[in-house]
Amino acid sequence: MRVILNRVLISTILLVWFGCATQKSQLHKSGGVNEVIENAILDFSTTRIFNKGSIFSVNYNDNHEEFALQQAIDGIYEWLPSKSNENISTVSITMSSAKFPYNSNDLGRSSIPTAYKVVEDKLFYWWEGDGPISEEAIEIFKRYDLLVLNSPSSILDSGVDDSQKGVHYYFCKNDLLSYKRVITSKGLGYYSLDPPLCN
């Protein structure tokens, strides 16, 4: 019995080790927006949140900005920018139930996301530039029931649940393998990044 348990334990350790090594080898060391997003999605696929949903919204920011609650002139407190770091790109990934209007006569710029990636039958979507949306993206979004035909509203359901946890990624622009993952229900930039990254 003990021999069987030892073999199972060793096999499990080897599977986890090889899985992590394979995942790490697929990460991009350098690149731009697409490589940062791909790295975030690849790492996200190893989290528990990945297994809880089937559609995820991805948001990319070229620079990291932190906000602090500060008293304005009139005595009212506001969230205002307090720190900025141009050496860090950020990505947030959250589960989504958003629905977007779609008019088949207008493939130009709209409120519909323009980029996507499917990983293990799970859809990740985001906005990429101001260009038109591809027919391929429209078909994928239809398949995942993301679109509502001929709706006059710009977004029918934002799909945002502020109480649910999302994953924030902080990538050093000069080395995309140097990153930090934070699982939180707070908004990106509304908490301190400790310890600091990419200084």
Protein backbone atom coordinates (compact mmCIF):
# COMPACT_ATOMS: atom_id res chain seq x y z
CA MET A 1 0.00 0.00 0.00
CA ARG A 2 2.79 2.40 0.94
CA VAL A 3 4.57 1.68 -2.38
CA ILE A 4 1.41 2.57 -4.32
CA LEU A 5 0.96 5.83 -2.38
CA ASN A 6 4.60 6.77 -3.01
CA ARG A 7 4.22 6.11 -6.75
CA VAL A 8 1.03 8.18 -6.89
CA LEU A 9 2.73 11.03 -5.00
CA ILE A 10 5.81 10.96 -7.25
CA SER A 11 3.64 10.83 -10.39
CA THR A 12 1.58 13.82 -9.19
CA ILE A 13 4.69 15.86 -8.40
CA LEU A 14 6.18 15.09 -11.82
CA LEU A 15 2.95 16.01 -13.62
CA VAL A 16 2.72 19.34 -11.80
CA TRP A 17 6.40 20.09 -12.38
CA PHE A 18 6.27 19.28 -16.10
CA GLY A 19 2.99 21.21 -16.46
CA CYS A 20 4.51 24.33 -14.87
CA ALA A 21 7.70 23.99 -16.91
CA THR A 22 5.69 23.66 -20.14
CA GLN A 23 3.54 26.68 -19.26
CA LYS A 24 6.58 28.80 -18.39
CA SER A 25 8.30 27.85 -21.65
CA GLN A 26 5.33 29.25 -23.62
CA LEU A 27 5.57 32.72 -22.07
CA HIS A 28 6.96 35.59 -24.17
CA LYS A 29 10.07 37.29 -22.78
CA SER A 30 9.52 40.46 -24.82
CA GLY A 31 6.92 42.05 -27.04
CA GLY A 32 4.02 44.46 -27.08
CA VAL A 33 0.33 44.44 -26.21
CA ASN A 34 -0.47 41.05 -27.77
CA GLU A 35 2.41 39.27 -26.03
CA VAL A 36 1.52 40.80 -22.65
CA ILE A 37 -2.11 39.69 -23.04
CA GLU A 38 -1.07 36.20 -24.20
CA ASN A 39 1.20 35.82 -21.15
CA ALA A 40 -1.60 36.94 -18.83
CA ILE A 41 -4.10 34.51 -20.37
CA LEU A 42 -1.60 31.65 -20.23
CA ASP A 43 -0.90 32.26 -16.54
CA PHE A 44 -4.61 32.85 -15.83
CA SER A 45 -5.39 29.39 -17.22
CA THR A 46 -3.59 27.94 -14.17
CA THR A 47 -5.84 29.73 -11.63
CA ARG A 48 -9.02 28.48 -9.95
CA ILE A 49 -11.00 31.38 -11.46
CA PHE A 50 -10.28 29.96 -14.94
CA ASN A 51 -12.27 26.85 -14.02
CA LYS A 52 -15.23 28.86 -12.68
CA GLY A 53 -16.22 30.64 -15.89
CA SER A 54 -16.43 30.28 -19.65
CA ILE A 55 -16.25 33.94 -20.79
CA PHE A 56 -13.66 36.43 -19.56
CA SER A 57 -13.13 40.13 -20.16
CA VAL A 58 -9.52 41.28 -20.61
CA ASN A 59 -8.42 44.89 -20.04
CA TYR A 60 -4.93 46.14 -20.93
CA ASN A 61 -3.24 49.33 -19.71
CA ASP A 62 0.08 50.47 -21.11
CA ASN A 63 1.13 52.12 -17.82
CA HIS A 64 0.37 51.27 -14.22
CA GLU A 65 -1.41 53.97 -12.28
CA GLU A 66 -2.36 53.86 -8.59
CA PHE A 67 -5.15 55.92 -7.05
CA ALA A 68 -5.55 57.26 -3.51
CA LEU A 69 -8.53 58.67 -1.68
CA GLN A 70 -7.77 62.38 -1.32
CA GLN A 71 -9.73 65.32 -0.02
CA ALA A 72 -10.68 67.80 -2.72
CA ILE A 73 -10.99 71.58 -2.23
CA ASP A 74 -14.69 71.35 -1.38
CA GLY A 75 -14.00 68.81 1.39
CA ILE A 76 -15.34 65.84 -0.58
CA TYR A 77 -13.03 62.85 -0.92
CA GLU A 78 -12.20 61.56 -4.39
CA TRP A 79 -10.09 58.79 -5.86
CA LEU A 80 -7.26 60.65 -7.62
CA PRO A 81 -4.08 59.43 -9.34
CA SER A 82 -1.26 59.20 -6.82
CA LYS A 83 1.48 57.14 -8.52
CA SER A 84 2.34 56.18 -12.06
CA ASN A 85 4.87 53.71 -13.42
CA GLU A 86 5.62 53.74 -17.15
CA ASN A 87 7.79 50.60 -16.83
CA ILE A 88 4.78 48.41 -16.03
CA SER A 89 1.96 47.22 -18.29
CA THR A 90 -1.14 45.87 -16.56
CA VAL A 91 -3.80 43.36 -17.54
CA SER A 92 -6.96 42.54 -15.62
CA ILE A 93 -9.04 39.44 -16.34
CA THR A 94 -12.52 38.96 -14.91
CA MET A 95 -15.44 36.63 -15.52
CA SER A 96 -18.01 38.27 -17.75
CA SER A 97 -21.68 37.91 -18.57
CA ALA A 98 -21.73 41.01 -20.81
CA LYS A 99 -24.00 41.23 -23.83
CA PHE A 100 -23.18 43.56 -26.73
CA PRO A 101 -25.51 44.94 -29.43
CA TYR A 102 -24.79 43.88 -32.97
CA ASN A 103 -26.16 45.19 -36.26
CA SER A 104 -25.07 43.01 -39.19
CA ASN A 105 -25.01 46.08 -41.48
CA ASP A 106 -22.28 47.75 -39.42
CA LEU A 107 -18.96 45.95 -39.10
CA GLY A 108 -17.22 49.26 -38.41
CA ARG A 109 -16.13 50.47 -35.00
CA SER A 110 -18.73 49.74 -32.36
CA SER A 111 -18.99 48.75 -28.74
CA ILE A 112 -18.24 45.12 -29.64
CA PRO A 113 -14.83 43.79 -28.57
CA THR A 114 -12.46 43.44 -31.51
CA ALA A 115 -10.03 40.76 -30.33
CA TYR A 116 -10.39 37.35 -28.74
CA LYS A 117 -8.63 34.14 -27.82
CA VAL A 118 -10.20 30.77 -27.05
CA VAL A 119 -8.38 28.56 -24.55
CA GLU A 120 -9.83 25.16 -23.62
CA ASP A 121 -13.26 26.26 -24.95
CA LYS A 122 -13.19 29.41 -22.80
CA LEU A 123 -13.49 32.81 -24.50
CA PHE A 124 -11.28 35.79 -23.64
CA TYR A 125 -12.23 39.08 -25.33
CA TRP A 126 -10.84 42.62 -25.41
CA TRP A 127 -10.72 45.81 -27.47
CA GLU A 128 -7.77 46.27 -29.80
CA GLY A 129 -7.40 49.66 -31.47
CA ASP A 130 -10.11 51.41 -33.46
CA GLY A 131 -10.26 49.11 -36.45
CA PRO A 132 -13.27 47.17 -37.74
CA ILE A 133 -14.26 43.85 -36.25
CA SER A 134 -13.59 40.72 -38.30
CA GLU A 135 -16.28 38.31 -39.49
CA GLU A 136 -14.38 35.53 -37.68
CA ALA A 137 -14.67 37.43 -34.37
CA ILE A 138 -18.40 38.01 -34.95
CA GLU A 139 -18.93 34.26 -35.48
CA ILE A 140 -17.00 33.39 -32.31
CA PHE A 141 -18.94 35.98 -30.29
CA LYS A 142 -22.23 34.59 -31.64
CA ARG A 143 -21.15 31.09 -30.67
CA TYR A 144 -20.57 32.26 -27.07
CA ASP A 145 -23.87 34.22 -27.04
CA LEU A 146 -22.09 37.54 -26.52
CA LEU A 147 -24.13 39.45 -29.12
CA VAL A 148 -27.73 40.64 -29.25
CA LEU A 149 -28.96 41.40 -32.75
CA ASN A 150 -30.28 44.84 -33.68
CA SER A 151 -30.30 46.33 -30.19
CA PRO A 152 -30.27 50.14 -29.90
CA SER A 153 -28.28 50.15 -26.64
CA SER A 154 -24.47 50.33 -26.61
CA ILE A 155 -24.05 47.67 -23.90
CA LEU A 156 -27.04 45.65 -22.78
CA ASP A 157 -25.43 44.11 -19.71
CA SER A 158 -22.01 45.18 -18.51
CA GLY A 159 -21.46 41.75 -16.99
CA VAL A 160 -19.55 43.31 -14.11
CA ASP A 161 -19.96 41.95 -10.61
CA ASP A 162 -17.83 44.06 -8.27
CA SER A 163 -17.96 41.41 -5.55
CA GLN A 164 -16.33 38.71 -7.67
CA LYS A 165 -12.59 38.26 -7.71
CA GLY A 166 -10.53 38.98 -10.78
CA VAL A 167 -6.85 38.61 -11.57
CA HIS A 168 -4.52 41.56 -12.12
CA TYR A 169 -1.17 41.18 -13.82
CA TYR A 170 1.76 43.59 -13.62
CA PHE A 171 4.38 43.03 -16.34
CA CYS A 172 7.81 44.67 -16.53
CA LYS A 173 7.98 46.06 -20.07
CA ASN A 174 11.69 45.25 -20.42
CA ASP A 175 11.20 41.60 -19.33
CA LEU A 176 7.72 40.08 -19.67
CA LEU A 177 8.86 37.04 -17.68
CA SER A 178 9.11 39.34 -14.68
CA TYR A 179 5.51 39.80 -13.56
CA LYS A 180 3.24 39.71 -10.55
CA ARG A 181 -0.23 38.18 -10.29
CA VAL A 182 -2.78 39.51 -7.76
CA ILE A 183 -6.17 37.86 -7.19
CA THR A 184 -8.56 40.44 -5.74
CA SER A 185 -12.04 41.92 -5.84
CA LYS A 186 -10.56 45.45 -5.71
CA GLY A 187 -10.22 47.58 -8.81
CA LEU A 188 -6.91 47.75 -10.65
CA GLY A 189 -4.86 50.60 -9.19
CA TYR A 190 -6.96 50.93 -6.03
CA TYR A 191 -4.40 49.17 -3.83
CA SER A 192 -0.63 49.45 -3.46
CA LEU A 193 1.61 47.15 -5.41
CA ASP A 194 3.93 45.84 -2.69
CA PRO A 195 6.71 45.14 -3.14
CA PRO A 196 7.25 47.54 -6.05
CA LEU A 197 8.04 45.96 -9.42
CA CYS A 198 10.37 47.05 -12.24
CA ASN A 199 12.12 49.92 -10.43
